[in-house]
Every structure is written in C-alpha cells, then in structure tokens.
Amino acid sequence: MTSATGDARAAPKSNFWASGHWPTLVAALLYFDLAFMVWVILGPLAPAIAEDLGLSPAQTGLMVAVPTLAGAVLRVAGGLLVDRIGPKRSGAISQVIVIAGLFTAWLAGVSSFAGTLALGVILGFAGASFAIALPLASRWYPPEHQGKAMGLAGMGNSGTVLAALFAPGLAKLFGWNAVLGLACIPLTIVFFVYLAMAKDAPNAPAPKRLVDYFQPLKTADAWWLMAFYAVTFGGFVGLAASLPVYFTDQFHLTPVTAGYCTAACVFAGSLVRPLGGALADRIGGVRALMIVFVIAAFALAGVPQATAIPAALAFFVIAMLALGIGNGSVFQLVPQRFSAEIGLMTGLVGMAGGVGGFTLASSLGIARQWTGSFAPAFHLFAALTIAALVALVLVKDQWRRSWAAADGVRI
C-alpha cells in the first residue's frame, strides 16, 4: 500500500488528492502566500512612503517595481538551488533572508529613496519563492494533475490581497515603517509550519552540472513559455504593485480605500489561478491561453477609457481574472515540456514574469510623469498581449505535433 509520503507516481492517478502529498501542497501554498504578501508590500505602502520621502511619480514607480525585478533575477538562482539542494531547504533559506531583512529595515528605519530600493532587493527573495514553492508541490503529482497542483500552489499569489487589505490600515495606525516589523510575525509562524509540513518528493531528478541546467534555453519552446508568462504574470504582479498608486493618483482615494479596491482586483486574479490550471488540464493550455490574451487585451485597453471608479474596477477585475487564468495555463504547459528541468524552468519562466511586472509597474510611473497620464503604459501592455496571442497562434501547431505529452494530457 502506498503511504501518503510514498512515491507519487505509485498513487492512483484518478484521484488528485491521493496522487500526491497534500501536506506539502498546503505548506507550499502558505509559504508562497506570505512571501507574495511581503513581495508587493511596497505597493500598498507607496502613497505614504512617497509623501513622507517626497518621491516623484517616476521614483515611486521604480520603488514598487524593484522588488519585482529583483524577484525575477533571484528566481533563476532559486530554480538552480531547488535542483541542487531540494525545494524544502531552498525555501527555508529564502524565508530566513526575508524575515531578517524586514526586521533589520524596521529596526534601523528606511529614510531615503535609496533605502527603499535596497529594501526592494531584499524583498526580491520573497518573489523568488515562486521558483521554490511550485517545484516543491509539482514534483509530487503526475502529469494529468499538474495543472491543478501548480494552480493550487500558485494560488499563493493571493498574498498580494493581504498586503492590499492590511498594509495601508496598519500604516495609518502605526506608521508605514512599523508595518515592516509587523510583517515578520506571520512570516515567522508560517516558517515553522513550513518546516513541519513540507517534504521533498522522492522522485526528484539527480543534480546536474551547472552548464546542463541552461540547456532548455537552447530551445525556442523555453523562450516562448517565458514570453507568454511575462505577459500573464507580468500583468498580474505589475498591476498588484501599482494599483494603490493608480487609485490614489487617478481618483484621489485615500490609501486605505485604494487598498480595498486593489484587494478586490487582485483577489479575482488569485482566486482563478487554480481554475486556470484545471481549465488547461481539460481543454489544453494553448486553447486556454488564446482566450486569456483576447480578454486581457480588451480589458487593459479599456482602462484608460474609464472615467469613474466602478468602470475602472470592472476593467481591472476582468483583466485580473484573465491574467490569473493565464498564469495557471502557462504552468500546465511547462511541466509537460520540461518535466526533467522543472526547477530551473520554473525559475526562468518566473523570471520572465517578474521582468514583465517590472516593465508594467515602472512604465506606469514613467508615463504618469512624462505625459501626465497612465494611459500610454496600459496601451503598451495591451499591445504586448495581442503580440503574445499572434505568437501563440504561430507556434501552437508545431507544439502539438512535436511535444511528447503523456496520454490523456492536452496541450
């Protein structure tokens, strides 16, 4: 009889929960959730920080974008670390760095623009959790359940909702610098839960030479998957980090109200990520992504036309729903094509998503400062979404012919 901690491949494949190790899946979700909470925490705090430090719109945009870029770069390192020492130990190291960095920032105080950028680099380690939490969960599940497993673990991006809901209110009560210290409390609790529940899968691939890890980059498929995720996840995290600034600037909302509006939008995108994985399992990741790109382009192009908060919220929610489904859909495809390099590919694809998020977040601030409007940045990202759709149409037939997908798995 196969135990709960036995080889996932020996479990009945028809039952999702029996086919893997659910305590590890829960641990991955909690770790990812709290890591994402602090990864984007400078976004909800941005209005207060910008006012306190006298930052320009471009500086504010760069401040909220730096954690995204740092997380993008560190995801590659995280992916390499996963394949060398395993995801559980990699996640533990990352969590210790983030907790220590936030505690130090709270204790010493952040009093300059340069200080916010330095903090953003430390928060990048939280963003790198993506390249650790997903392989931690993924390695326990068979191909036909990859979409659901990756979707549920990836639902940890709902941590951005927690940041939007609670950070502005706590900043109003205690000051924004105190929020950095308060964040250490739930992070520490989840750290110990993670140590108790997470377990590395027994079917992990053997470590390779360092140069061998980058072999996937010699294939066009890797670059296409990275590009598609730069649009879906880049749009999601870029909006999650920037919407507090957008709502306070565009509609003159208080930081707390802007946080609530942001939370509503981000919640929509987080909630549907596992649904995106399940949908991709059912109809194929390619078909799901094509639908996603059409809807996201429409919604992003519609945002600049919204002159009232309800209309803007409607467009953002639609965009986030589509992008959330797209995130789950991309990661239904990645394990089918690169199962042996899932740790590194999660890092590379995640890096591309972070670069996309940095592009959107920073371009919003630059557009606002140079043109007096956020509209050019939204139009740019809508155009990139259409470009991704065209590219997907061009490669989909070749993928379906050449990929050696497992029986019953649709791409």
Protein backbone atom coordinates (compact mmCIF):
# COMPACT_ATOMS: atom_id res chain seq x y z
CA MET A 1 0.00 0.00 0.00
CA THR A 2 1.30 3.44 -0.90
CA SER A 3 1.65 5.78 2.07
CA ALA A 4 0.82 9.48 2.00
CA THR A 5 4.53 10.18 1.80
CA GLY A 6 5.31 7.50 -0.74
CA ASP A 7 6.23 7.82 -4.34
CA ALA A 8 3.60 10.00 -6.01
CA ARG A 9 3.90 8.02 -9.21
CA ALA A 10 2.60 4.84 -7.47
CA ALA A 11 -0.60 6.52 -6.22
CA PRO A 12 -3.91 6.19 -8.08
CA LYS A 13 -3.80 8.78 -10.83
CA SER A 14 -7.56 9.23 -10.98
CA ASN A 15 -7.69 10.85 -7.53
CA PHE A 16 -5.94 14.21 -7.30
CA TRP A 17 -5.54 14.27 -3.51
CA ALA A 18 -4.35 10.65 -3.36
CA SER A 19 -1.88 11.13 -6.20
CA GLY A 20 0.46 13.42 -4.27
CA HIS A 21 1.34 14.71 -0.79
CA TRP A 22 -1.23 17.21 0.42
CA PRO A 23 0.71 18.50 3.50
CA THR A 24 3.49 19.62 1.16
CA LEU A 25 0.95 21.25 -1.15
CA VAL A 26 -0.51 23.18 1.81
CA ALA A 27 2.97 24.16 3.03
CA ALA A 28 3.90 25.39 -0.45
CA LEU A 29 0.69 27.44 -0.62
CA LEU A 30 1.24 29.06 2.80
CA TYR A 31 4.89 29.84 2.08
CA PHE A 32 4.06 31.29 -1.32
CA ASP A 33 1.11 33.26 0.09
CA LEU A 34 3.06 35.05 2.82
CA ALA A 35 6.09 35.55 0.57
CA PHE A 36 3.92 37.25 -2.03
CA MET A 37 2.33 39.38 0.68
CA VAL A 38 5.66 40.99 1.52
CA TRP A 39 6.98 40.91 -2.05
CA VAL A 40 4.46 43.57 -3.11
CA ILE A 41 4.09 45.32 0.24
CA LEU A 42 5.78 48.49 -1.01
CA GLY A 43 2.86 48.97 -3.42
CA PRO A 44 0.13 49.47 -0.79
CA LEU A 45 2.59 51.50 1.31
CA ALA A 46 3.74 53.59 -1.68
CA PRO A 47 1.36 56.57 -1.21
CA ALA A 48 2.51 57.00 2.40
CA ILE A 49 6.18 56.41 1.58
CA ALA A 50 6.10 58.80 -1.39
CA GLU A 51 4.53 61.55 0.72
CA ASP A 52 6.92 61.01 3.62
CA LEU A 53 10.09 60.88 1.47
CA GLY A 54 8.96 63.36 -1.22
CA LEU A 55 9.24 60.91 -4.13
CA SER A 56 8.33 61.81 -7.72
CA PRO A 57 5.91 59.61 -9.73
CA ALA A 58 8.83 58.03 -11.59
CA GLN A 59 10.68 57.32 -8.32
CA THR A 60 7.52 55.85 -6.80
CA GLY A 61 7.02 53.63 -9.84
CA LEU A 62 10.62 52.44 -9.66
CA MET A 63 10.34 51.79 -5.92
CA VAL A 64 7.36 49.44 -6.33
CA ALA A 65 8.95 47.83 -9.40
CA VAL A 66 12.38 46.99 -7.92
CA PRO A 67 11.14 44.05 -5.78
CA THR A 68 9.56 42.63 -8.93
CA LEU A 69 12.80 42.88 -10.90
CA ALA A 70 14.90 41.56 -8.01
CA GLY A 71 12.49 38.67 -7.61
CA ALA A 72 12.75 37.96 -11.32
CA VAL A 73 16.54 37.67 -11.20
CA LEU A 74 16.56 35.69 -7.96
CA ARG A 75 14.04 33.19 -9.33
CA VAL A 76 16.75 31.80 -11.59
CA ALA A 77 19.03 31.36 -8.57
CA GLY A 78 16.11 29.82 -6.70
CA GLY A 79 15.45 27.37 -9.51
CA LEU A 80 19.11 26.32 -9.57
CA LEU A 81 19.12 25.92 -5.79
CA VAL A 82 16.00 23.76 -5.94
CA ASP A 83 17.65 21.35 -8.34
CA ARG A 84 20.86 21.26 -6.30
CA ILE A 85 19.70 21.01 -2.65
CA GLY A 86 15.94 20.43 -2.97
CA PRO A 87 12.97 22.80 -2.68
CA LYS A 88 12.36 22.44 1.07
CA ARG A 89 15.81 23.63 2.13
CA SER A 90 15.81 26.29 -0.58
CA GLY A 91 12.52 27.67 0.75
CA ALA A 92 13.79 27.69 4.32
CA ILE A 93 16.88 29.70 3.36
CA SER A 94 14.81 32.22 1.40
CA GLN A 95 12.37 32.72 4.27
CA VAL A 96 15.15 33.39 6.77
CA ILE A 97 16.68 36.04 4.49
CA VAL A 98 13.34 37.85 4.04
CA ILE A 99 12.46 37.79 7.75
CA ALA A 100 15.92 39.04 8.74
CA GLY A 101 15.81 41.78 6.08
CA LEU A 102 12.40 43.09 7.12
CA PHE A 103 13.33 43.01 10.80
CA THR A 104 16.51 44.95 10.12
CA ALA A 105 14.63 47.52 7.99
CA TRP A 106 12.09 48.02 10.78
CA LEU A 107 14.77 48.29 13.45
CA ALA A 108 17.03 50.69 11.55
CA GLY A 109 14.29 52.57 9.68
CA VAL A 110 14.08 53.40 5.98
CA SER A 111 14.61 57.12 5.46
CA SER A 112 15.66 57.63 1.83
CA PHE A 113 14.79 56.65 -1.74
CA ALA A 114 17.99 54.59 -1.88
CA GLY A 115 16.87 52.80 1.27
CA THR A 116 13.57 51.80 -0.34
CA LEU A 117 15.46 50.39 -3.34
CA ALA A 118 17.75 48.38 -1.05
CA LEU A 119 14.70 47.02 0.78
CA GLY A 120 13.18 46.18 -2.59
CA VAL A 121 16.17 43.97 -3.42
CA ILE A 122 15.73 42.05 -0.13
CA LEU A 123 12.02 41.63 -0.87
CA GLY A 124 13.07 40.09 -4.16
CA PHE A 125 13.95 36.94 -2.19
CA ALA A 126 10.25 36.70 -1.33
CA GLY A 127 9.42 36.95 -5.01
CA ALA A 128 11.87 34.12 -5.69
CA SER A 129 9.56 31.86 -3.66
CA PHE A 130 7.76 31.20 -6.94
CA ALA A 131 10.68 29.13 -8.22
CA ILE A 132 10.71 27.12 -4.99
CA ALA A 133 7.11 26.61 -3.92
CA LEU A 134 5.89 25.39 -7.31
CA PRO A 135 8.51 22.64 -7.80
CA LEU A 136 8.01 21.67 -4.14
CA ALA A 137 4.39 20.87 -4.94
CA SER A 138 4.74 19.87 -8.59
CA ARG A 139 7.18 17.01 -8.06
CA TRP A 140 4.58 15.11 -6.04
CA TYR A 141 1.92 14.99 -8.79
CA PRO A 142 1.55 13.06 -12.07
CA PRO A 143 1.21 14.82 -15.46
CA GLU A 144 -2.59 14.73 -15.63
CA HIS A 145 -2.82 16.65 -12.33
CA GLN A 146 -0.03 19.19 -12.94
CA GLY A 147 -2.45 21.99 -13.82
CA LYS A 148 -4.40 21.58 -10.58
CA ALA A 149 -1.30 21.11 -8.39
CA MET A 150 0.54 24.08 -9.87
CA GLY A 151 -2.65 26.13 -9.79
CA LEU A 152 -3.30 25.46 -6.12
CA ALA A 153 0.32 26.11 -5.10
CA GLY A 154 0.35 29.16 -7.34
CA MET A 155 -2.78 30.45 -5.63
CA GLY A 156 -0.30 31.75 -3.08
CA ASN A 157 -0.19 34.91 -5.18
CA SER A 158 -3.34 35.76 -3.20
CA GLY A 159 -0.88 37.08 -0.62
CA THR A 160 -0.97 40.28 -2.63
CA VAL A 161 -4.57 40.61 -1.40
CA LEU A 162 -3.39 40.52 2.22
CA ALA A 163 -0.89 43.29 1.55
CA ALA A 164 -3.50 45.48 -0.13
CA LEU A 165 -6.08 44.88 2.62
CA PHE A 166 -4.00 45.33 5.74
CA ALA A 167 -0.82 47.31 4.96
CA PRO A 168 -2.49 50.74 4.39
CA GLY A 169 -4.63 50.48 7.53
CA LEU A 170 -1.71 49.37 9.69
CA ALA A 171 0.42 52.17 8.22
CA LYS A 172 -2.26 54.68 9.19
CA LEU A 173 -2.32 53.37 12.76
CA PHE A 174 1.37 52.74 13.42
CA GLY A 175 3.31 54.31 10.54
CA TRP A 176 4.49 52.61 7.38
CA ASN A 177 7.89 51.61 8.79
CA ALA A 178 6.20 49.70 11.61
CA VAL A 179 4.38 47.57 9.03
CA LEU A 180 7.73 46.09 8.01
CA GLY A 181 8.26 44.78 11.54
CA LEU A 182 4.69 43.58 11.94
CA ALA A 183 5.02 41.53 8.75
CA CYS A 184 7.72 39.45 10.45
CA ILE A 185 5.14 37.92 12.82
CA PRO A 186 3.05 35.93 10.29
CA LEU A 187 6.18 35.18 8.26
CA THR A 188 7.82 33.53 11.28
CA ILE A 189 4.70 31.49 12.09
CA VAL A 190 4.45 30.19 8.52
CA PHE A 191 8.18 29.42 8.54
CA PHE A 192 7.77 26.93 11.37
CA VAL A 193 4.60 25.46 9.83
CA TYR A 194 6.54 25.02 6.59
CA LEU A 195 9.38 23.19 8.34
CA ALA A 196 6.88 20.82 9.96
CA MET A 197 4.71 20.05 6.90
CA ALA A 198 6.84 20.30 3.74
CA LYS A 199 8.61 17.24 2.38
CA ASP A 200 10.74 16.86 -0.74
CA ALA A 201 9.33 14.38 -3.28
CA PRO A 202 11.28 11.10 -3.62
CA ASN A 203 11.33 11.26 -7.43
CA ALA A 204 13.47 14.39 -7.75
CA PRO A 205 15.90 14.36 -10.70
CA ALA A 206 19.58 13.87 -9.91
CA PRO A 207 21.71 17.06 -9.76
CA LYS A 208 23.41 18.04 -13.00
CA ARG A 209 26.45 20.03 -13.96
CA LEU A 210 25.80 23.76 -13.79
CA VAL A 211 26.09 24.18 -17.56
CA ASP A 212 23.50 21.46 -18.14
CA TYR A 213 20.79 23.44 -16.37
CA PHE A 214 20.76 26.01 -19.15
CA GLN A 215 20.22 23.53 -21.97
CA PRO A 216 16.47 24.41 -22.17
CA LEU A 217 17.43 27.93 -23.26
CA LYS A 218 18.71 26.43 -26.49
CA THR A 219 15.11 25.54 -27.41
CA ALA A 220 12.59 28.02 -28.76
CA ASP A 221 9.86 26.47 -26.60
CA ALA A 222 11.51 27.74 -23.42
CA TRP A 223 11.65 31.30 -24.75
CA TRP A 224 8.02 31.20 -25.89
CA LEU A 225 6.82 29.99 -22.49
CA MET A 226 8.87 32.72 -20.83
CA ALA A 227 7.37 35.35 -23.14
CA PHE A 228 3.80 34.22 -22.50
CA TYR A 229 4.33 34.29 -18.75
CA ALA A 230 5.91 37.74 -18.98
CA VAL A 231 2.50 38.89 -20.22
CA THR A 232 0.19 36.91 -17.91
CA PHE A 233 2.09 37.06 -14.62
CA GLY A 234 3.79 40.33 -15.52
CA GLY A 235 0.38 41.91 -15.95
CA PHE A 236 -0.87 40.42 -12.70
CA VAL A 237 2.03 41.38 -10.42
CA GLY A 238 2.61 44.72 -12.16
CA LEU A 239 -0.99 45.72 -11.51
CA ALA A 240 -0.94 44.32 -7.96
CA ALA A 241 2.07 46.53 -7.13
CA SER A 242 0.84 49.63 -8.97
CA LEU A 243 -2.91 49.83 -8.42
CA PRO A 244 -2.66 51.55 -4.99
CA VAL A 245 -0.68 54.34 -6.63
CA TYR A 246 -3.07 54.46 -9.60
CA PHE A 247 -6.22 54.70 -7.48
CA THR A 248 -4.81 57.38 -5.17
CA ASP A 249 -3.48 59.46 -8.06
CA GLN A 250 -6.24 58.97 -10.64
CA PHE A 251 -9.30 59.05 -8.38
CA HIS A 252 -7.85 60.76 -5.27
CA LEU A 253 -8.81 57.88 -2.97
CA THR A 254 -7.31 57.52 0.49
CA PRO A 255 -4.56 54.88 0.76
CA VAL A 256 -6.89 52.63 2.78
CA THR A 257 -9.72 52.85 0.22
CA ALA A 258 -7.24 52.36 -2.61
CA GLY A 259 -6.02 49.26 -0.79
CA TYR A 260 -9.55 47.84 -0.67
CA CYS A 261 -10.03 48.48 -4.39
CA THR A 262 -6.68 46.85 -5.15
CA ALA A 263 -7.54 43.86 -2.97
CA ALA A 264 -10.77 43.30 -4.89
CA CYS A 265 -8.92 43.27 -8.21
CA VAL A 266 -6.05 41.10 -7.00
CA PHE A 267 -8.39 38.65 -5.29
CA ALA A 268 -10.08 37.99 -8.61
CA GLY A 269 -6.79 37.10 -10.30
CA SER A 270 -5.59 34.96 -7.39
CA LEU A 271 -8.85 33.06 -6.99
CA VAL A 272 -8.94 31.81 -10.58
CA ARG A 273 -5.33 30.65 -10.87
CA PRO A 274 -6.16 27.05 -9.86
CA LEU A 275 -9.22 27.24 -12.10
CA GLY A 276 -6.88 28.22 -14.91
CA GLY A 277 -4.80 25.14 -14.27
CA ALA A 278 -7.88 22.91 -14.17
CA LEU A 279 -9.26 24.52 -17.34
CA ALA A 280 -5.95 23.94 -19.09
CA ASP A 281 -5.99 20.31 -17.97
CA ARG A 282 -9.42 19.99 -19.57
CA ILE A 283 -9.18 21.94 -22.83
CA GLY A 284 -5.40 22.35 -23.16
CA GLY A 285 -3.12 25.16 -22.07
CA VAL A 286 -2.79 26.57 -25.58
CA ARG A 287 -6.52 26.98 -26.09
CA ALA A 288 -6.95 28.47 -22.60
CA LEU A 289 -4.15 30.99 -23.23
CA MET A 290 -5.66 32.13 -26.52
CA ILE A 291 -8.89 33.02 -24.72
CA VAL A 292 -6.93 34.74 -21.95
CA PHE A 293 -4.94 37.00 -24.27
CA VAL A 294 -8.05 38.23 -26.09
CA ILE A 295 -9.89 39.13 -22.88
CA ALA A 296 -6.85 40.69 -21.18
CA ALA A 297 -6.06 42.90 -24.19
CA PHE A 298 -9.65 44.17 -24.27
CA ALA A 299 -9.68 44.96 -20.55
CA LEU A 300 -6.26 46.64 -20.43
CA ALA A 301 -7.09 48.81 -23.44
CA GLY A 302 -10.38 49.76 -21.78
CA VAL A 303 -8.85 51.02 -18.51
CA PRO A 304 -7.81 54.47 -19.88
CA GLN A 305 -11.39 54.99 -21.10
CA ALA A 306 -12.80 54.58 -17.59
CA THR A 307 -13.58 57.95 -16.02
CA ALA A 308 -15.28 56.61 -12.88
CA ILE A 309 -14.14 54.15 -10.22
CA PRO A 310 -16.82 51.47 -10.93
CA ALA A 311 -15.85 51.30 -14.61
CA ALA A 312 -12.14 51.19 -13.80
CA LEU A 313 -12.73 48.44 -11.24
CA ALA A 314 -14.73 46.43 -13.76
CA PHE A 315 -11.93 46.59 -16.35
CA PHE A 316 -9.27 45.72 -13.77
CA VAL A 317 -11.25 42.76 -12.41
CA ILE A 318 -11.78 41.40 -15.93
CA ALA A 319 -8.08 41.83 -16.69
CA MET A 320 -7.04 40.15 -13.45
CA LEU A 321 -9.43 37.24 -13.99
CA ALA A 322 -7.98 36.65 -17.44
CA LEU A 323 -4.36 37.02 -16.31
CA GLY A 324 -4.93 34.72 -13.33
CA ILE A 325 -6.31 32.01 -15.61
CA GLY A 326 -3.34 32.62 -17.92
CA ASN A 327 -0.87 32.07 -15.08
CA GLY A 328 -2.37 28.68 -14.34
CA SER A 329 -2.50 27.80 -18.03
CA VAL A 330 1.19 28.52 -18.67
CA PHE A 331 2.16 26.29 -15.78
CA GLN A 332 0.04 23.48 -17.09
CA LEU A 333 2.29 23.58 -20.17
CA VAL A 334 5.71 23.97 -18.53
CA PRO A 335 5.86 20.51 -16.82
CA GLN A 336 4.60 18.78 -19.96
CA ARG A 337 7.54 20.07 -22.00
CA PHE A 338 10.28 20.35 -19.34
CA SER A 339 9.46 17.81 -16.63
CA ALA A 340 13.12 16.95 -16.04
CA GLU A 341 14.10 20.62 -15.66
CA ILE A 342 11.02 21.80 -13.76
CA GLY A 343 13.03 23.56 -11.04
CA LEU A 344 15.12 25.63 -13.43
CA MET A 345 12.26 26.21 -15.86
CA THR A 346 10.05 27.44 -13.04
CA GLY A 347 12.80 29.89 -12.20
CA LEU A 348 13.34 31.01 -15.79
CA VAL A 349 9.66 31.35 -16.61
CA GLY A 350 9.08 33.05 -13.27
CA MET A 351 11.95 35.42 -14.00
CA ALA A 352 10.30 36.40 -17.26
CA GLY A 353 7.06 37.05 -15.38
CA GLY A 354 8.90 39.29 -12.97
CA VAL A 355 10.51 41.23 -15.82
CA GLY A 356 7.04 41.74 -17.30
CA GLY A 357 5.80 43.01 -13.95
CA PHE A 358 8.75 45.38 -13.62
CA THR A 359 8.07 46.70 -17.11
CA LEU A 360 4.42 47.45 -16.37
CA ALA A 361 4.97 48.90 -12.89
CA SER A 362 7.86 51.16 -13.88
CA SER A 363 6.24 52.24 -17.16
CA LEU A 364 3.13 53.39 -15.31
CA GLY A 365 5.21 55.75 -13.17
CA ILE A 366 7.25 56.98 -16.13
CA ALA A 367 4.14 57.52 -18.27
CA ARG A 368 2.47 59.49 -15.49
CA GLN A 369 5.50 61.74 -15.01
CA TRP A 370 6.31 62.30 -18.70
CA THR A 371 2.81 62.54 -20.19
CA GLY A 372 0.60 63.32 -17.20
CA SER A 373 -1.40 60.13 -17.85
CA PHE A 374 -1.16 56.40 -17.13
CA ALA A 375 -2.84 55.59 -20.46
CA PRO A 376 0.31 55.00 -22.61
CA ALA A 377 1.50 52.26 -20.26
CA PHE A 378 -1.86 50.45 -20.39
CA HIS A 379 -1.95 50.71 -24.18
CA LEU A 380 1.60 49.33 -24.38
CA PHE A 381 0.77 46.30 -22.29
CA ALA A 382 -2.44 45.65 -24.23
CA ALA A 383 -0.36 45.68 -27.43
CA LEU A 384 2.10 43.18 -25.91
CA THR A 385 -0.85 40.93 -25.07
CA ILE A 386 -2.01 40.97 -28.69
CA ALA A 387 1.56 40.21 -29.80
CA ALA A 388 1.59 37.19 -27.47
CA LEU A 389 -1.68 35.97 -28.98
CA VAL A 390 -0.25 36.18 -32.50
CA ALA A 391 2.89 34.31 -31.43
CA LEU A 392 0.84 31.57 -29.77
CA VAL A 393 -1.22 31.08 -32.92
CA LEU A 394 2.02 30.66 -34.88
CA VAL A 395 3.59 28.03 -32.58
CA LYS A 396 0.60 26.01 -31.39
CA ASP A 397 0.50 23.51 -34.28
CA GLN A 398 4.21 22.79 -34.01
CA TRP A 399 3.85 22.23 -30.24
CA ARG A 400 1.03 19.75 -30.72
CA ARG A 401 2.99 17.81 -33.31
CA SER A 402 6.34 17.66 -31.51
CA TRP A 403 5.65 17.54 -27.77
CA ALA A 404 5.66 14.06 -26.32
CA ALA A 405 2.76 14.75 -23.98
CA ALA A 406 1.61 12.00 -21.63
CA ASP A 407 -1.52 10.05 -22.56
CA GLY A 408 -4.64 11.99 -21.76
CA VAL A 409 -2.79 15.29 -21.24
CA ARG A 410 -3.84 18.11 -23.53
CA ILE A 411 -1.65 20.98 -24.62
